[in-house]
Protein backbone atom coordinates (compact mmCIF):
# COMPACT_ATOMS: atom_id res chain seq x y z
CA UNK A 1 -51.26 -30.47 -51.90
CA UNK A 2 -54.07 -29.70 -53.69
CA UNK A 3 -55.89 -27.09 -53.71
CA UNK A 4 -59.04 -28.51 -51.97
CA UNK A 5 -56.60 -30.32 -48.87
CA UNK A 6 -55.24 -26.24 -48.60
CA UNK A 7 -58.16 -24.79 -47.90
CA UNK A 8 -59.30 -27.31 -46.02
CA UNK A 9 -56.07 -27.05 -43.20
CA UNK A 10 -56.59 -22.77 -43.93
CA UNK A 11 -60.21 -23.51 -42.65
CA UNK A 12 -59.15 -25.76 -39.43
CA UNK A 13 -56.31 -23.07 -39.07
CA UNK A 14 -58.84 -20.07 -39.06
CA UNK A 15 -60.96 -22.14 -36.57
CA UNK A 16 -58.76 -23.04 -34.27
CA UNK A 17 -57.53 -19.15 -34.21
CA UNK A 18 -61.06 -18.13 -33.58
CA UNK A 19 -61.99 -20.42 -30.65
CA UNK A 20 -58.58 -19.23 -28.93
CA UNK A 21 -59.90 -15.63 -29.64
CA UNK A 22 -63.77 -16.35 -27.94
CA UNK A 23 -61.47 -18.16 -25.13
CA UNK A 24 -59.01 -15.41 -24.45
CA UNK A 25 -61.96 -13.04 -24.89
CA UNK A 26 -63.79 -14.91 -22.21
CA UNK A 27 -61.30 -15.14 -19.84
CA UNK A 28 -60.57 -11.66 -20.22
CA UNK A 29 -64.30 -10.78 -19.68
CA UNK A 30 -64.21 -13.56 -16.52
CA UNK A 31 -60.36 -11.79 -14.89
CA UNK A 32 -62.53 -8.16 -15.15
CA UNK A 33 -65.54 -9.11 -13.08
CA UNK A 34 -63.39 -10.67 -10.82
CA UNK A 35 -60.99 -8.36 -10.41
CA UNK A 36 -60.13 -7.36 -6.90
CA UNK A 37 -59.95 -3.77 -5.27
CA UNK A 38 -56.43 -2.55 -3.54
CA UNK A 39 -57.01 -2.25 -0.09
CA UNK A 40 -54.38 -0.19 0.91
CA UNK A 41 -51.76 -1.35 3.73
CA UNK A 42 -50.20 1.84 5.29
CA UNK A 43 -47.90 3.45 7.79
CA UNK A 44 -48.08 6.00 10.24
CA UNK A 45 -45.86 8.35 7.37
CA UNK A 46 -49.70 7.38 5.58
CA UNK A 47 -51.57 7.85 8.06
CA UNK A 48 -50.51 11.04 9.08
CA UNK A 49 -50.48 12.80 5.51
CA UNK A 50 -54.08 11.16 3.88
CA UNK A 51 -56.27 9.91 7.00
CA UNK A 52 -55.21 11.28 10.06
CA UNK A 53 -52.71 14.35 10.79
CA UNK A 54 -51.65 12.73 14.80
CA UNK A 55 -49.15 15.59 14.87
CA UNK A 56 -51.70 17.76 14.40
CA UNK A 57 -54.52 16.98 16.23
CA UNK A 58 -53.65 14.72 18.92
CA UNK A 59 -55.85 15.09 21.16
CA UNK A 60 -59.37 14.80 18.22
CA UNK A 61 -59.65 12.75 15.54
CA UNK A 62 -60.11 14.58 12.57
CA UNK A 63 -60.25 12.35 8.56
CA UNK A 64 -58.87 13.68 5.80
CA UNK A 65 -60.80 11.72 3.54
CA UNK A 66 -63.16 11.93 0.65
CA UNK A 67 -65.13 9.04 1.69
CA UNK A 68 -65.92 6.97 4.44
CA UNK A 69 -63.47 4.17 5.71
CA UNK A 70 -62.67 1.02 7.16
CA UNK A 71 -58.72 1.17 9.35
CA UNK A 72 -57.72 -2.82 10.04
CA UNK A 73 -55.16 -3.36 12.29
CA UNK A 74 -53.72 -6.51 12.04
CA UNK A 75 -50.53 -8.92 12.05
CA UNK A 76 -49.74 -11.97 9.89
CA UNK A 77 -49.78 -14.74 12.21
CA UNK A 78 -52.82 -13.45 13.24
CA UNK A 79 -55.41 -16.42 12.48
CA UNK A 80 -59.04 -14.05 13.17
CA UNK A 81 -57.19 -11.52 11.20
CA UNK A 82 -56.17 -14.14 8.24
CA UNK A 83 -60.75 -14.89 8.87
CA UNK A 84 -61.53 -11.70 8.44
CA UNK A 85 -59.13 -10.43 5.48
CA UNK A 86 -61.64 -12.08 2.65
CA UNK A 87 -64.49 -10.50 4.02
CA UNK A 88 -63.18 -6.80 3.59
CA UNK A 89 -62.23 -8.07 0.54
CA UNK A 90 -65.40 -7.65 -0.46
CA UNK A 91 -66.89 -5.37 1.05
CA UNK A 92 -64.10 -3.28 -0.77
CA UNK A 93 -65.28 -4.79 -4.05
CA UNK A 94 -69.30 -4.40 -3.12
CA UNK A 95 -68.39 -0.86 -1.79
CA UNK A 96 -65.37 0.50 -4.12
CA UNK A 97 -66.85 3.89 -4.80
CA UNK A 98 -68.15 4.69 -1.72
CA UNK A 99 -65.93 4.07 0.73
CA UNK A 100 -61.63 3.05 1.03
CA UNK A 101 -60.32 0.22 3.22
CA UNK A 102 -57.16 0.37 4.48
CA UNK A 103 -55.02 -2.28 6.38
CA UNK A 104 -52.55 -2.01 8.91
CA UNK A 105 -49.95 -4.17 9.92
CA UNK A 106 -49.76 -3.78 14.20
CA UNK A 107 -46.23 -5.78 13.61
CA UNK A 108 -44.90 -3.42 10.61
CA UNK A 109 -46.12 0.08 12.88
CA UNK A 110 -46.29 -0.64 16.21
CA UNK A 111 -46.59 3.66 16.47
CA UNK A 112 -50.10 3.89 15.30
CA UNK A 113 -50.65 0.78 16.54
CA UNK A 114 -50.52 2.16 20.45
CA UNK A 115 -51.60 5.53 18.94
CA UNK A 116 -55.34 3.63 18.52
CA UNK A 117 -54.63 2.20 21.85
CA UNK A 118 -54.84 -1.84 19.87
CA UNK A 119 -54.18 -4.18 22.46
CA UNK A 120 -56.38 -7.28 20.81
CA UNK A 121 -56.13 -7.35 16.69
CA UNK A 122 -57.93 -7.73 14.64
CA UNK A 123 -58.94 -4.19 15.84
CA UNK A 124 -61.27 -1.93 12.84
CA UNK A 125 -61.95 1.41 12.98
CA UNK A 126 -65.12 2.24 10.96
CA UNK A 127 -64.68 6.05 10.23
CA UNK A 128 -67.38 8.42 8.80
CA UNK A 129 -66.48 11.79 7.21
CA UNK A 130 -68.19 13.64 9.87
CA UNK A 131 -67.74 11.80 12.82
CA UNK A 132 -66.06 10.26 15.36
CA UNK A 133 -65.01 6.45 14.35
CA UNK A 134 -66.43 2.94 15.69
CA UNK A 135 -64.31 0.56 16.78
CA UNK A 136 -64.81 -3.63 16.19
CA UNK A 137 -63.20 -6.13 17.91
CA UNK A 138 -62.26 -9.84 16.24
CA UNK A 139 -63.57 -11.66 13.56
CA UNK A 140 -66.75 -9.61 12.00
CA UNK A 141 -69.26 -11.89 11.04
CA UNK A 142 -70.57 -9.65 7.86
CA UNK A 143 -74.40 -9.04 9.00
CA UNK A 144 -72.25 -6.81 11.55
CA UNK A 145 -69.59 -5.57 9.43
CA UNK A 146 -72.65 -4.23 6.93
CA UNK A 147 -74.46 -2.39 9.71
CA UNK A 148 -71.42 -0.95 10.79
CA UNK A 149 -71.22 0.54 7.29
CA UNK A 150 -74.82 1.95 7.39
CA UNK A 151 -73.30 4.11 10.59
CA UNK A 152 -70.62 5.82 8.48
CA UNK A 153 -72.47 6.37 5.68
CA UNK A 154 -71.98 3.37 3.39
CA UNK A 155 -75.45 2.13 1.52
CA UNK A 156 -75.47 -0.93 2.35
CA UNK A 157 -77.60 -3.43 -0.34
CA UNK A 158 -79.51 -4.10 3.18
CA UNK A 159 -80.93 -0.58 3.53
């Protein structure tokens, strides 16, 4: 191989590696920007330990959290629940520094569903730090969700 051919092939290889490196960096930044905030799927033990100790305070909701919260009571088979889920994910992503979003599968946690009087799903509790939760039923429109976020102390883009 002539020296000039070697240099040309080396330059092509360097250019290809540089292009690949730039593409991987761009993809990594895009993945970071679209990263989803984890919504915690909880059970009765988690509820009792971290959110509301229903055994110690059976008659009064005493919230243990340090941020307002949303608790979504849902089932996998429920169409309105599946329609609400992306909205709650958007809220979790957008306001991750101001609130926590939890999900309770009523089929897997009938004790919690009974405790909170869930008779229709989706049933969503909007939990402020120092007050009783606000309850809402059904697939909520985004403006209704944002209105309830304001009531529990979350500063939304509309405020």
